[in-house]
Amino acid sequence: MSVAAYKQSMRDTASPRQLERKVFQQVTAELEASSKQVDAIARIRAVDRNRRLWGVLVSDLADTENLMPETLKAGLISLGIWVDRYSGQVLTENRSVAPLIDVNRAVIQGLGTERPT
């Protein structure tokens, strides 16, 4: 099976939740790796990728067609705003990426649980 066919198969069989969880896992792994290096470029890239992921999430949550409960949407949007602001501090004030990693891990855990039916 070719790599392209495998990726298509993954897209066809994975739920949106599973895909979101996988992206958060990848971005979080990048943040974790960048926190163990002195490579400033790797840190900038990891923080930027995380910031963009949260930007997309916030944009999706703000969409009027998003069916997520309003209180959950509001909480995640607030968290996304915090991620954006704190990411700036990581890059300009050399703050730790650990809080960003912790937030992402909590999201990953939440995406890994079954939603009540």
N, C-alpha and C. Protein backbone atom coordinates (compact mmCIF):
# COMPACT_ATOMS: atom_id res chain seq x y z
N MET A 1 0.85 -1.18 0.00
CA MET A 1 0.00 0.00 0.00
C MET A 1 0.89 1.23 0.00
N SER A 2 0.60 2.19 -0.86
CA SER A 2 1.40 3.41 -0.91
C SER A 2 1.10 4.30 0.29
N VAL A 3 2.00 5.21 0.55
CA VAL A 3 1.81 6.15 1.66
C VAL A 3 0.56 6.99 1.43
N ALA A 4 0.34 7.43 0.20
CA ALA A 4 -0.84 8.25 -0.10
C ALA A 4 -2.12 7.46 0.15
N ALA A 5 -2.14 6.20 -0.24
CA ALA A 5 -3.32 5.37 -0.02
C ALA A 5 -3.55 5.15 1.47
N TYR A 6 -2.47 4.97 2.21
CA TYR A 6 -2.59 4.79 3.66
C TYR A 6 -3.16 6.05 4.31
N LYS A 7 -2.65 7.20 3.91
CA LYS A 7 -3.15 8.46 4.47
C LYS A 7 -4.63 8.66 4.14
N GLN A 8 -5.01 8.33 2.91
CA GLN A 8 -6.42 8.45 2.52
C GLN A 8 -7.27 7.50 3.36
N SER A 9 -6.77 6.30 3.58
CA SER A 9 -7.49 5.32 4.40
C SER A 9 -7.68 5.85 5.81
N MET A 10 -6.65 6.50 6.35
CA MET A 10 -6.75 7.08 7.70
C MET A 10 -7.81 8.17 7.72
N ARG A 11 -7.84 9.01 6.69
CA ARG A 11 -8.84 10.08 6.65
C ARG A 11 -10.24 9.50 6.54
N ASP A 12 -10.37 8.42 5.79
CA ASP A 12 -11.68 7.82 5.59
C ASP A 12 -12.21 7.11 6.84
N THR A 13 -11.31 6.63 7.70
CA THR A 13 -11.75 5.85 8.85
C THR A 13 -11.66 6.59 10.17
N ALA A 14 -10.91 7.66 10.24
CA ALA A 14 -10.76 8.40 11.49
C ALA A 14 -11.88 9.41 11.65
N SER A 15 -12.37 9.53 12.87
CA SER A 15 -13.40 10.53 13.15
C SER A 15 -12.74 11.90 13.27
N PRO A 16 -13.51 12.96 13.14
CA PRO A 16 -12.93 14.31 13.33
C PRO A 16 -12.25 14.45 14.68
N ARG A 17 -12.84 13.87 15.71
CA ARG A 17 -12.24 13.92 17.04
C ARG A 17 -10.87 13.25 17.05
N GLN A 18 -10.78 12.09 16.40
CA GLN A 18 -9.51 11.37 16.35
C GLN A 18 -8.46 12.18 15.60
N LEU A 19 -8.88 12.82 14.51
CA LEU A 19 -7.94 13.64 13.74
C LEU A 19 -7.48 14.85 14.55
N GLU A 20 -8.41 15.49 15.26
CA GLU A 20 -8.05 16.64 16.10
C GLU A 20 -7.06 16.20 17.18
N ARG A 21 -7.34 15.05 17.78
CA ARG A 21 -6.46 14.53 18.83
C ARG A 21 -5.06 14.26 18.27
N LYS A 22 -4.99 13.68 17.08
CA LYS A 22 -3.70 13.39 16.46
C LYS A 22 -2.92 14.67 16.18
N VAL A 23 -3.58 15.69 15.68
CA VAL A 23 -2.90 16.97 15.41
C VAL A 23 -2.39 17.57 16.71
N PHE A 24 -3.23 17.56 17.75
CA PHE A 24 -2.78 18.09 19.05
C PHE A 24 -1.58 17.29 19.57
N GLN A 25 -1.59 15.98 19.39
CA GLN A 25 -0.47 15.15 19.83
C GLN A 25 0.81 15.53 19.09
N GLN A 26 0.71 15.73 17.79
CA GLN A 26 1.88 16.09 16.99
C GLN A 26 2.45 17.44 17.40
N VAL A 27 1.57 18.41 17.53
CA VAL A 27 2.01 19.76 17.91
C VAL A 27 2.60 19.76 19.32
N THR A 28 1.98 19.02 20.21
CA THR A 28 2.48 18.94 21.59
C THR A 28 3.85 18.26 21.63
N ALA A 29 4.03 17.24 20.82
CA ALA A 29 5.34 16.58 20.74
C ALA A 29 6.41 17.56 20.26
N GLU A 30 6.06 18.42 19.32
CA GLU A 30 7.00 19.44 18.85
C GLU A 30 7.35 20.42 19.97
N LEU A 31 6.33 20.84 20.73
CA LEU A 31 6.59 21.74 21.86
C LEU A 31 7.51 21.07 22.88
N GLU A 32 7.23 19.80 23.18
CA GLU A 32 8.05 19.07 24.15
C GLU A 32 9.49 18.96 23.68
N ALA A 33 9.67 18.62 22.41
CA ALA A 33 11.02 18.50 21.86
C ALA A 33 11.74 19.84 21.89
N SER A 34 11.03 20.90 21.57
CA SER A 34 11.66 22.23 21.54
C SER A 34 12.05 22.69 22.94
N SER A 35 11.34 22.19 23.95
CA SER A 35 11.66 22.61 25.33
C SER A 35 12.94 21.96 25.83
N LYS A 36 13.39 20.90 25.15
CA LYS A 36 14.59 20.18 25.56
C LYS A 36 15.81 20.58 24.73
N GLN A 37 15.62 21.53 23.83
CA GLN A 37 16.70 21.96 22.95
C GLN A 37 17.04 23.42 23.21
N VAL A 38 18.19 23.81 22.72
CA VAL A 38 18.55 25.23 22.78
C VAL A 38 18.34 25.89 21.43
N ASP A 39 17.82 25.15 20.48
CA ASP A 39 17.57 25.65 19.13
C ASP A 39 16.39 26.62 19.15
N ALA A 40 16.69 27.90 19.04
CA ALA A 40 15.64 28.92 19.10
C ALA A 40 14.66 28.80 17.94
N ILE A 41 15.15 28.41 16.77
CA ILE A 41 14.27 28.29 15.60
C ILE A 41 13.25 27.17 15.81
N ALA A 42 13.69 26.05 16.38
CA ALA A 42 12.76 24.94 16.66
C ALA A 42 11.68 25.39 17.64
N ARG A 43 12.07 26.16 18.62
CA ARG A 43 11.11 26.67 19.61
C ARG A 43 10.11 27.61 18.95
N ILE A 44 10.61 28.51 18.12
CA ILE A 44 9.73 29.46 17.42
C ILE A 44 8.74 28.71 16.54
N ARG A 45 9.24 27.72 15.79
CA ARG A 45 8.37 26.94 14.91
C ARG A 45 7.31 26.19 15.69
N ALA A 46 7.71 25.56 16.79
CA ALA A 46 6.76 24.78 17.59
C ALA A 46 5.69 25.69 18.20
N VAL A 47 6.10 26.81 18.75
CA VAL A 47 5.14 27.74 19.35
C VAL A 47 4.22 28.31 18.27
N ASP A 48 4.78 28.64 17.12
CA ASP A 48 3.97 29.17 16.02
C ASP A 48 2.95 28.13 15.55
N ARG A 49 3.39 26.90 15.39
CA ARG A 49 2.46 25.86 14.94
C ARG A 49 1.34 25.67 15.97
N ASN A 50 1.69 25.69 17.25
CA ASN A 50 0.67 25.55 18.29
C ASN A 50 -0.29 26.73 18.26
N ARG A 51 0.26 27.91 18.09
CA ARG A 51 -0.57 29.12 18.04
C ARG A 51 -1.53 29.06 16.85
N ARG A 52 -1.04 28.60 15.70
CA ARG A 52 -1.91 28.48 14.52
C ARG A 52 -2.98 27.42 14.72
N LEU A 53 -2.63 26.31 15.35
CA LEU A 53 -3.62 25.26 15.65
C LEU A 53 -4.74 25.84 16.51
N TRP A 54 -4.38 26.55 17.54
CA TRP A 54 -5.39 27.15 18.41
C TRP A 54 -6.19 28.22 17.68
N GLY A 55 -5.56 28.95 16.76
CA GLY A 55 -6.28 29.95 15.97
C GLY A 55 -7.35 29.31 15.11
N VAL A 56 -7.02 28.18 14.50
CA VAL A 56 -8.00 27.45 13.69
C VAL A 56 -9.12 26.94 14.59
N LEU A 57 -8.77 26.42 15.75
CA LEU A 57 -9.77 25.91 16.68
C LEU A 57 -10.72 27.02 17.12
N VAL A 58 -10.17 28.16 17.49
CA VAL A 58 -11.00 29.29 17.92
C VAL A 58 -11.91 29.75 16.79
N SER A 59 -11.37 29.82 15.60
CA SER A 59 -12.17 30.22 14.44
C SER A 59 -13.33 29.25 14.23
N ASP A 60 -13.06 27.97 14.32
CA ASP A 60 -14.11 26.96 14.17
C ASP A 60 -15.15 27.08 15.28
N LEU A 61 -14.69 27.30 16.49
CA LEU A 61 -15.61 27.42 17.62
C LEU A 61 -16.50 28.65 17.49
N ALA A 62 -15.98 29.71 16.91
CA ALA A 62 -16.75 30.95 16.76
C ALA A 62 -17.76 30.88 15.62
N ASP A 63 -17.63 29.88 14.77
CA ASP A 63 -18.56 29.72 13.64
C ASP A 63 -19.96 29.44 14.17
N THR A 64 -20.95 30.13 13.63
CA THR A 64 -22.33 29.97 14.10
C THR A 64 -22.88 28.58 13.85
N GLU A 65 -22.28 27.83 12.94
CA GLU A 65 -22.75 26.48 12.65
C GLU A 65 -22.11 25.42 13.56
N ASN A 66 -21.19 25.83 14.42
CA ASN A 66 -20.57 24.89 15.35
C ASN A 66 -21.61 24.49 16.38
N LEU A 67 -21.83 23.19 16.53
CA LEU A 67 -22.90 22.68 17.40
C LEU A 67 -22.45 22.36 18.82
N MET A 68 -21.22 22.66 19.16
CA MET A 68 -20.73 22.40 20.51
C MET A 68 -21.53 23.25 21.52
N PRO A 69 -21.74 22.73 22.71
CA PRO A 69 -22.46 23.53 23.72
C PRO A 69 -21.78 24.88 23.96
N GLU A 70 -22.60 25.90 24.11
CA GLU A 70 -22.09 27.28 24.21
C GLU A 70 -21.07 27.46 25.35
N THR A 71 -21.32 26.85 26.50
CA THR A 71 -20.39 27.04 27.61
C THR A 71 -19.03 26.41 27.31
N LEU A 72 -19.03 25.28 26.65
CA LEU A 72 -17.77 24.64 26.28
C LEU A 72 -17.05 25.46 25.22
N LYS A 73 -17.81 25.96 24.24
CA LYS A 73 -17.21 26.82 23.21
C LYS A 73 -16.56 28.04 23.86
N ALA A 74 -17.29 28.68 24.75
CA ALA A 74 -16.77 29.89 25.39
C ALA A 74 -15.50 29.60 26.18
N GLY A 75 -15.49 28.49 26.90
CA GLY A 75 -14.30 28.12 27.66
C GLY A 75 -13.10 27.86 26.77
N LEU A 76 -13.33 27.14 25.68
CA LEU A 76 -12.23 26.84 24.76
C LEU A 76 -11.74 28.08 24.02
N ILE A 77 -12.66 28.98 23.68
CA ILE A 77 -12.26 30.23 23.04
C ILE A 77 -11.41 31.05 24.01
N SER A 78 -11.81 31.12 25.27
CA SER A 78 -11.01 31.84 26.28
C SER A 78 -9.63 31.21 26.41
N LEU A 79 -9.59 29.91 26.41
CA LEU A 79 -8.31 29.21 26.49
C LEU A 79 -7.46 29.51 25.25
N GLY A 80 -8.08 29.54 24.09
CA GLY A 80 -7.37 29.88 22.86
C GLY A 80 -6.79 31.28 22.89
N ILE A 81 -7.53 32.21 23.45
CA ILE A 81 -7.04 33.59 23.59
C ILE A 81 -5.84 33.62 24.53
N TRP A 82 -5.93 32.85 25.63
CA TRP A 82 -4.80 32.76 26.55
C TRP A 82 -3.58 32.16 25.86
N VAL A 83 -3.79 31.07 25.09
CA VAL A 83 -2.68 30.43 24.38
C VAL A 83 -1.99 31.44 23.46
N ASP A 84 -2.77 32.23 22.75
CA ASP A 84 -2.20 33.22 21.85
C ASP A 84 -1.36 34.24 22.62
N ARG A 85 -1.92 34.76 23.70
CA ARG A 85 -1.22 35.78 24.50
C ARG A 85 0.04 35.19 25.15
N TYR A 86 -0.09 34.00 25.74
CA TYR A 86 1.05 33.39 26.41
C TYR A 86 2.14 33.00 25.40
N SER A 87 1.73 32.56 24.22
CA SER A 87 2.70 32.22 23.17
C SER A 87 3.58 33.41 22.84
N GLY A 88 2.97 34.58 22.79
CA GLY A 88 3.75 35.80 22.57
C GLY A 88 4.78 36.01 23.67
N GLN A 89 4.39 35.71 24.91
CA GLN A 89 5.32 35.86 26.02
C GLN A 89 6.44 34.83 25.95
N VAL A 90 6.11 33.63 25.48
CA VAL A 90 7.14 32.60 25.32
C VAL A 90 8.20 33.11 24.35
N LEU A 91 7.75 33.72 23.27
CA LEU A 91 8.67 34.15 22.23
C LEU A 91 9.41 35.44 22.56
N THR A 92 8.77 36.34 23.28
CA THR A 92 9.40 37.64 23.54
C THR A 92 10.06 37.74 24.92
N GLU A 93 9.56 36.95 25.87
CA GLU A 93 10.08 37.04 27.24
C GLU A 93 10.76 35.75 27.68
N ASN A 94 10.92 34.81 26.74
CA ASN A 94 11.57 33.53 27.01
C ASN A 94 10.88 32.75 28.15
N ARG A 95 9.56 32.81 28.17
CA ARG A 95 8.80 32.04 29.16
C ARG A 95 8.83 30.57 28.80
N SER A 96 8.51 29.73 29.76
CA SER A 96 8.50 28.28 29.56
C SER A 96 7.34 27.84 28.66
N VAL A 97 7.57 26.82 27.84
CA VAL A 97 6.48 26.28 27.03
C VAL A 97 5.66 25.26 27.82
N ALA A 98 6.07 24.94 29.03
CA ALA A 98 5.38 23.92 29.84
C ALA A 98 3.88 24.19 30.00
N PRO A 99 3.43 25.42 30.28
CA PRO A 99 1.99 25.64 30.39
C PRO A 99 1.24 25.34 29.08
N LEU A 100 1.85 25.64 27.95
CA LEU A 100 1.22 25.32 26.66
C LEU A 100 1.09 23.81 26.49
N ILE A 101 2.13 23.10 26.88
CA ILE A 101 2.12 21.64 26.81
C ILE A 101 1.03 21.09 27.72
N ASP A 102 0.92 21.63 28.93
CA ASP A 102 -0.10 21.16 29.87
C ASP A 102 -1.51 21.36 29.33
N VAL A 103 -1.76 22.52 28.74
CA VAL A 103 -3.08 22.81 28.17
C VAL A 103 -3.38 21.83 27.04
N ASN A 104 -2.40 21.63 26.16
CA ASN A 104 -2.61 20.71 25.05
C ASN A 104 -2.86 19.29 25.54
N ARG A 105 -2.14 18.87 26.55
CA ARG A 105 -2.35 17.51 27.09
C ARG A 105 -3.78 17.36 27.64
N ALA A 106 -4.27 18.40 28.28
CA ALA A 106 -5.65 18.35 28.79
C ALA A 106 -6.64 18.22 27.63
N VAL A 107 -6.40 18.94 26.55
CA VAL A 107 -7.27 18.85 25.37
C VAL A 107 -7.17 17.45 24.77
N ILE A 108 -5.96 16.93 24.66
CA ILE A 108 -5.76 15.58 24.13
C ILE A 108 -6.54 14.56 24.96
N GLN A 109 -6.45 14.71 26.26
CA GLN A 109 -7.17 13.79 27.15
C GLN A 109 -8.68 13.92 26.92
N GLY A 110 -9.16 15.14 26.80
CA GLY A 110 -10.59 15.36 26.57
C GLY A 110 -11.05 14.79 25.24
N LEU A 111 -10.22 14.91 24.22
CA LEU A 111 -10.57 14.37 22.91
C LEU A 111 -10.52 12.84 22.90
N GLY A 112 -9.82 12.27 23.86
CA GLY A 112 -9.70 10.82 23.93
C GLY A 112 -10.85 10.16 24.66
N THR A 113 -11.67 10.95 25.32
CA THR A 113 -12.81 10.37 26.04
C THR A 113 -14.04 10.36 25.15
N GLU A 114 -14.88 9.40 25.38
CA GLU A 114 -16.12 9.29 24.61
C GLU A 114 -17.09 10.38 25.06
N ARG A 115 -17.77 10.94 24.09
CA ARG A 115 -18.81 11.93 24.41
C ARG A 115 -20.07 11.20 24.86
N PRO A 116 -20.77 11.75 25.85
CA PRO A 116 -22.03 11.13 26.26
C PRO A 116 -23.05 11.18 25.12
N THR A 117 -23.81 10.14 24.98
CA THR A 117 -24.83 10.12 23.91
C THR A 117 -26.20 10.46 24.42
